Amino acid sequence: MYPTRPVMSNRPALKNRIAPFDKSGNFSDNKRYMKKIVIDIETKDTFQEAQSQDPAALHLSLLVVYEYASDAYASFLEQDLPKLWPILENADSIIGFNLDHFDMPILNKYYPGDLTKKKTLDLLGEIKKASGRRISLNSVAAATLGTAKSGSGLDAIRWWRRGEIEKVRQYCQDDVRITKELYDFALRNGYVQFEQYGAMRKVVLDTSRWELLPPGSNNQSLF
């Protein structure tokens, strides 16, 4: 595992996690916070090289995870994955972009249990459900946050093959940061946006269930 220097927030730690309130709207100490993480995976190969459209046919090169509880990032190479499993197992919700149809199928082939039992929040899936279209992370980030990706998945494969691991790590961490910021923006504002034909298009998202604790989250087994 390769921890990176924590990116500290100016906001109180309370606002990084779901606030537990009772029915009257008052803070309740007997309800615990949702433990959220954001992940992104880079691979060593392409679908064409794997001769399959199944993400599980691809091979993981590097993964970055952001933990809301610690406000810090960490990265994992394939040989480090056993150190990642407790983080996944302890999380109430795993957040990503194209998570359910890319990252999770790849990760699940390495995991000794069944990650499909975990609560996930796939931002791309939420956007597609609301708009009827798949919109790239770069397009949504540019229009919503005014930022852009630092490369592409193909760039990451090229860097990996040249042994430029730090470039892969930084690119992957940038994608995790952008995904985290989009999630936070959508949670606060109820929408994201993208540009189409020179005009901004708003995608209204139903975030009402995003931060509900999953049933049995205190002792959820993945085996």
Protein backbone atom coordinates (compact mmCIF):
# COMPACT_ATOMS: atom_id res chain seq x y z
CA MET A 1 0.00 0.00 0.00
CA TYR A 2 1.27 3.47 -0.84
CA PRO A 3 -0.37 6.17 1.33
CA THR A 4 -0.19 9.70 0.00
CA ARG A 5 -0.08 12.89 2.01
CA PRO A 6 -3.60 13.53 3.38
CA VAL A 7 -5.53 16.26 1.65
CA MET A 8 -7.07 17.99 4.62
CA SER A 9 -10.43 19.70 4.39
CA ASN A 10 -11.24 23.09 5.89
CA ARG A 11 -14.69 21.80 6.77
CA PRO A 12 -15.36 20.02 10.08
CA ALA A 13 -14.95 16.27 9.85
CA LEU A 14 -18.68 15.91 10.55
CA LYS A 15 -19.51 17.23 7.08
CA ASN A 16 -17.41 14.58 5.38
CA ARG A 17 -19.84 11.91 6.51
CA ILE A 18 -23.58 11.45 6.71
CA ALA A 19 -24.96 13.32 9.73
CA PRO A 20 -27.20 11.10 11.90
CA PHE A 21 -30.38 12.95 12.87
CA ASP A 22 -33.42 11.74 14.76
CA LYS A 23 -36.99 12.13 13.49
CA SER A 24 -37.23 15.65 14.90
CA GLY A 25 -34.13 16.73 13.02
CA ASN A 26 -31.88 16.82 16.07
CA PHE A 27 -28.40 15.31 16.16
CA SER A 28 -28.50 11.76 17.52
CA ASP A 29 -25.38 10.18 19.01
CA ASN A 30 -26.79 6.67 18.90
CA LYS A 31 -26.62 6.44 15.10
CA ARG A 32 -23.25 5.93 13.54
CA TYR A 33 -21.87 7.63 10.47
CA MET A 34 -21.82 6.03 7.03
CA LYS A 35 -18.33 4.87 6.14
CA LYS A 36 -17.74 5.87 2.51
CA ILE A 37 -14.84 5.25 0.17
CA VAL A 38 -14.18 6.24 -3.46
CA ILE A 39 -12.14 3.95 -5.72
CA ASP A 40 -10.75 3.83 -9.23
CA ILE A 41 -8.81 1.09 -11.04
CA GLU A 42 -6.23 1.23 -13.81
CA THR A 43 -5.41 -1.85 -15.88
CA LYS A 44 -2.40 -3.37 -17.60
CA ASP A 45 -4.26 -4.19 -20.81
CA THR A 46 -7.14 -3.17 -23.07
CA PHE A 47 -10.35 -4.99 -24.00
CA GLN A 48 -8.92 -5.56 -27.48
CA GLU A 49 -5.80 -7.18 -26.06
CA ALA A 50 -7.88 -9.30 -23.69
CA GLN A 51 -10.08 -10.32 -26.66
CA SER A 52 -13.13 -9.84 -24.47
CA GLN A 53 -15.59 -7.12 -23.48
CA ASP A 54 -15.80 -8.60 -19.99
CA PRO A 55 -13.95 -6.30 -17.52
CA ALA A 56 -13.01 -9.36 -15.48
CA ALA A 57 -10.75 -10.40 -18.36
CA LEU A 58 -8.56 -7.35 -17.70
CA HIS A 59 -5.65 -7.27 -15.25
CA LEU A 60 -5.37 -4.66 -12.53
CA SER A 61 -2.24 -2.54 -12.46
CA LEU A 62 -3.06 -0.09 -9.69
CA LEU A 63 -5.98 1.05 -7.55
CA VAL A 64 -6.46 4.25 -5.56
CA VAL A 65 -8.93 4.59 -2.69
CA TYR A 66 -10.09 7.70 -0.87
CA GLU A 67 -11.51 7.28 2.64
CA TYR A 68 -13.87 9.99 3.86
CA ALA A 69 -13.19 9.11 7.50
CA SER A 70 -9.47 9.94 7.27
CA ASP A 71 -9.68 12.41 4.35
CA ALA A 72 -6.71 10.61 2.76
CA TYR A 73 -5.78 8.65 -0.35
CA ALA A 74 -3.88 5.36 -0.61
CA SER A 75 -2.81 3.29 -3.63
CA PHE A 76 -2.44 -0.45 -4.07
CA LEU A 77 -0.58 -2.56 -6.61
CA GLU A 78 -1.84 -6.06 -7.38
CA GLN A 79 0.42 -7.63 -4.74
CA ASP A 80 -0.89 -5.15 -2.14
CA LEU A 81 -4.57 -6.06 -2.57
CA PRO A 82 -4.83 -8.15 0.64
CA LYS A 83 -4.20 -4.89 2.52
CA LEU A 84 -7.14 -3.32 0.68
CA TRP A 85 -9.71 -5.97 1.62
CA PRO A 86 -10.34 -4.71 5.21
CA ILE A 87 -11.00 -1.21 3.84
CA LEU A 88 -13.60 -2.56 1.42
CA GLU A 89 -15.15 -4.82 4.03
CA ASN A 90 -15.51 -2.01 6.57
CA ALA A 91 -17.04 0.43 4.09
CA ASP A 92 -20.81 0.97 4.08
CA SER A 93 -20.71 2.38 0.55
CA ILE A 94 -18.22 2.17 -2.33
CA ILE A 95 -18.38 5.10 -4.75
CA GLY A 96 -16.98 5.28 -8.27
CA PHE A 97 -17.58 6.29 -11.88
CA ASN A 98 -18.56 3.32 -14.07
CA LEU A 99 -17.96 1.37 -10.88
CA ASP A 100 -20.55 -1.38 -11.32
CA HIS A 101 -19.59 -2.25 -14.90
CA PHE A 102 -15.80 -1.84 -14.73
CA ASP A 103 -14.05 -1.50 -11.38
CA MET A 104 -16.13 -3.92 -9.32
CA PRO A 105 -16.06 -6.84 -11.81
CA ILE A 106 -12.27 -6.50 -12.06
CA LEU A 107 -11.80 -6.25 -8.31
CA ASN A 108 -14.19 -9.09 -7.58
CA LYS A 109 -12.02 -11.57 -9.48
CA TYR A 110 -9.16 -10.89 -7.05
CA TYR A 111 -11.27 -10.76 -3.90
CA PRO A 112 -11.70 -14.04 -1.98
CA GLY A 113 -15.36 -13.31 -1.19
CA ASP A 114 -18.20 -11.65 -3.11
CA LEU A 115 -18.04 -7.88 -3.51
CA THR A 116 -21.41 -7.81 -5.27
CA LYS A 117 -22.94 -7.88 -1.77
CA LYS A 118 -21.58 -4.40 -1.06
CA LYS A 119 -23.63 -1.21 -1.41
CA THR A 120 -22.21 0.77 -4.33
CA LEU A 121 -22.89 4.18 -5.80
CA ASP A 122 -21.97 4.34 -9.48
CA LEU A 123 -22.11 7.97 -10.56
CA LEU A 124 -22.14 7.06 -14.25
CA GLY A 125 -25.05 4.71 -13.61
CA GLU A 126 -26.95 7.43 -11.75
CA ILE A 127 -26.34 9.91 -14.58
CA LYS A 128 -27.43 7.40 -17.22
CA LYS A 129 -30.56 6.54 -15.24
CA ALA A 130 -31.51 10.22 -15.04
CA SER A 131 -30.49 11.35 -18.55
CA GLY A 132 -30.73 8.19 -20.65
CA ARG A 133 -27.15 8.58 -21.87
CA ARG A 134 -23.61 7.70 -20.86
CA ILE A 135 -21.56 10.85 -20.29
CA SER A 136 -17.81 10.74 -19.76
CA LEU A 137 -16.20 11.67 -16.47
CA ASN A 138 -14.22 14.38 -18.23
CA SER A 139 -17.35 15.99 -19.71
CA VAL A 140 -19.20 16.01 -16.40
CA ALA A 141 -16.17 17.25 -14.45
CA ALA A 142 -15.46 20.07 -16.91
CA ALA A 143 -19.02 21.40 -16.86
CA THR A 144 -19.78 20.76 -13.19
CA LEU A 145 -16.48 21.44 -11.45
CA GLY A 146 -14.50 23.38 -14.04
CA THR A 147 -11.74 20.78 -13.98
CA ALA A 148 -10.44 18.13 -16.36
CA LYS A 149 -8.92 14.67 -16.21
CA SER A 150 -5.12 14.50 -16.31
CA GLY A 151 -4.99 11.75 -18.92
CA SER A 152 -6.83 8.67 -20.18
CA GLY A 153 -6.97 4.97 -19.46
CA LEU A 154 -4.82 4.33 -22.52
CA ASP A 155 -2.24 6.81 -21.23
CA ALA A 156 -2.17 4.90 -17.94
CA ILE A 157 -1.51 1.61 -19.76
CA ARG A 158 1.35 3.19 -21.71
CA TRP A 159 2.86 4.68 -18.55
CA TRP A 160 2.58 1.33 -16.79
CA ARG A 161 4.39 -0.48 -19.58
CA ARG A 162 7.18 2.11 -19.51
CA GLY A 163 7.54 1.61 -15.77
CA GLU A 164 6.24 5.10 -14.98
CA ILE A 165 4.25 3.93 -11.97
CA GLU A 166 4.09 7.32 -10.27
CA LYS A 167 2.38 8.79 -13.35
CA VAL A 168 -0.22 6.02 -13.20
CA ARG A 169 -0.68 6.58 -9.48
CA GLN A 170 -1.17 10.33 -9.84
CA TYR A 171 -3.56 9.97 -12.78
CA CYS A 172 -5.64 7.40 -10.89
CA GLN A 173 -5.68 9.58 -7.77
CA ASP A 174 -6.83 12.55 -9.87
CA ASP A 175 -9.76 10.49 -11.16
CA VAL A 176 -10.68 9.47 -7.61
CA ARG A 177 -10.52 13.10 -6.46
CA ILE A 178 -12.73 14.25 -9.35
CA THR A 179 -15.24 11.46 -8.68
CA LYS A 180 -15.32 12.36 -4.98
CA GLU A 181 -15.87 16.05 -5.75
CA LEU A 182 -18.67 15.22 -8.21
CA TYR A 183 -20.34 13.01 -5.61
CA ASP A 184 -20.14 15.78 -2.99
CA PHE A 185 -21.42 18.37 -5.47
CA ALA A 186 -24.38 16.20 -6.49
CA LEU A 187 -25.21 15.44 -2.87
CA ARG A 188 -25.27 19.15 -2.01
CA ASN A 189 -26.99 20.42 -5.16
CA GLY A 190 -29.00 17.51 -6.56
CA TYR A 191 -27.55 17.69 -10.06
CA VAL A 192 -24.47 17.56 -12.29
CA GLN A 193 -24.12 19.02 -15.76
CA PHE A 194 -22.40 18.62 -19.10
CA GLU A 195 -21.97 20.71 -22.21
CA GLN A 196 -23.73 19.82 -25.45
CA TYR A 197 -23.60 21.92 -28.64
CA GLY A 198 -22.31 24.91 -26.68
CA ALA A 199 -25.08 24.80 -24.06
CA MET A 200 -25.00 23.51 -20.49
CA ARG A 201 -27.32 20.58 -19.85
CA LYS A 202 -28.32 19.87 -16.27
CA VAL A 203 -28.86 16.28 -15.10
CA VAL A 204 -31.07 16.23 -12.01
CA LEU A 205 -30.19 13.31 -9.72
CA ASP A 206 -32.24 11.65 -7.01
CA THR A 207 -29.73 11.47 -4.14
CA SER A 208 -32.28 10.64 -1.45
CA ARG A 209 -31.01 7.08 -0.96
CA TRP A 210 -27.32 7.63 -1.56
CA GLU A 211 -26.40 7.86 2.09
CA LEU A 212 -28.84 5.41 3.64
CA LEU A 213 -26.98 2.78 5.61
CA PRO A 214 -27.37 -0.67 4.00
CA PRO A 215 -29.29 -3.33 5.97
CA GLY A 216 -27.05 -5.29 8.31
CA SER A 217 -24.18 -2.88 7.75
CA ASN A 218 -22.81 -3.44 11.24
CA ASN A 219 -21.91 -7.05 10.54
CA GLN A 220 -22.16 -7.54 6.79
CA SER A 221 -20.41 -10.70 5.59
CA LEU A 222 -18.94 -10.93 2.10
CA PHE A 223 -18.31 -14.67 2.29
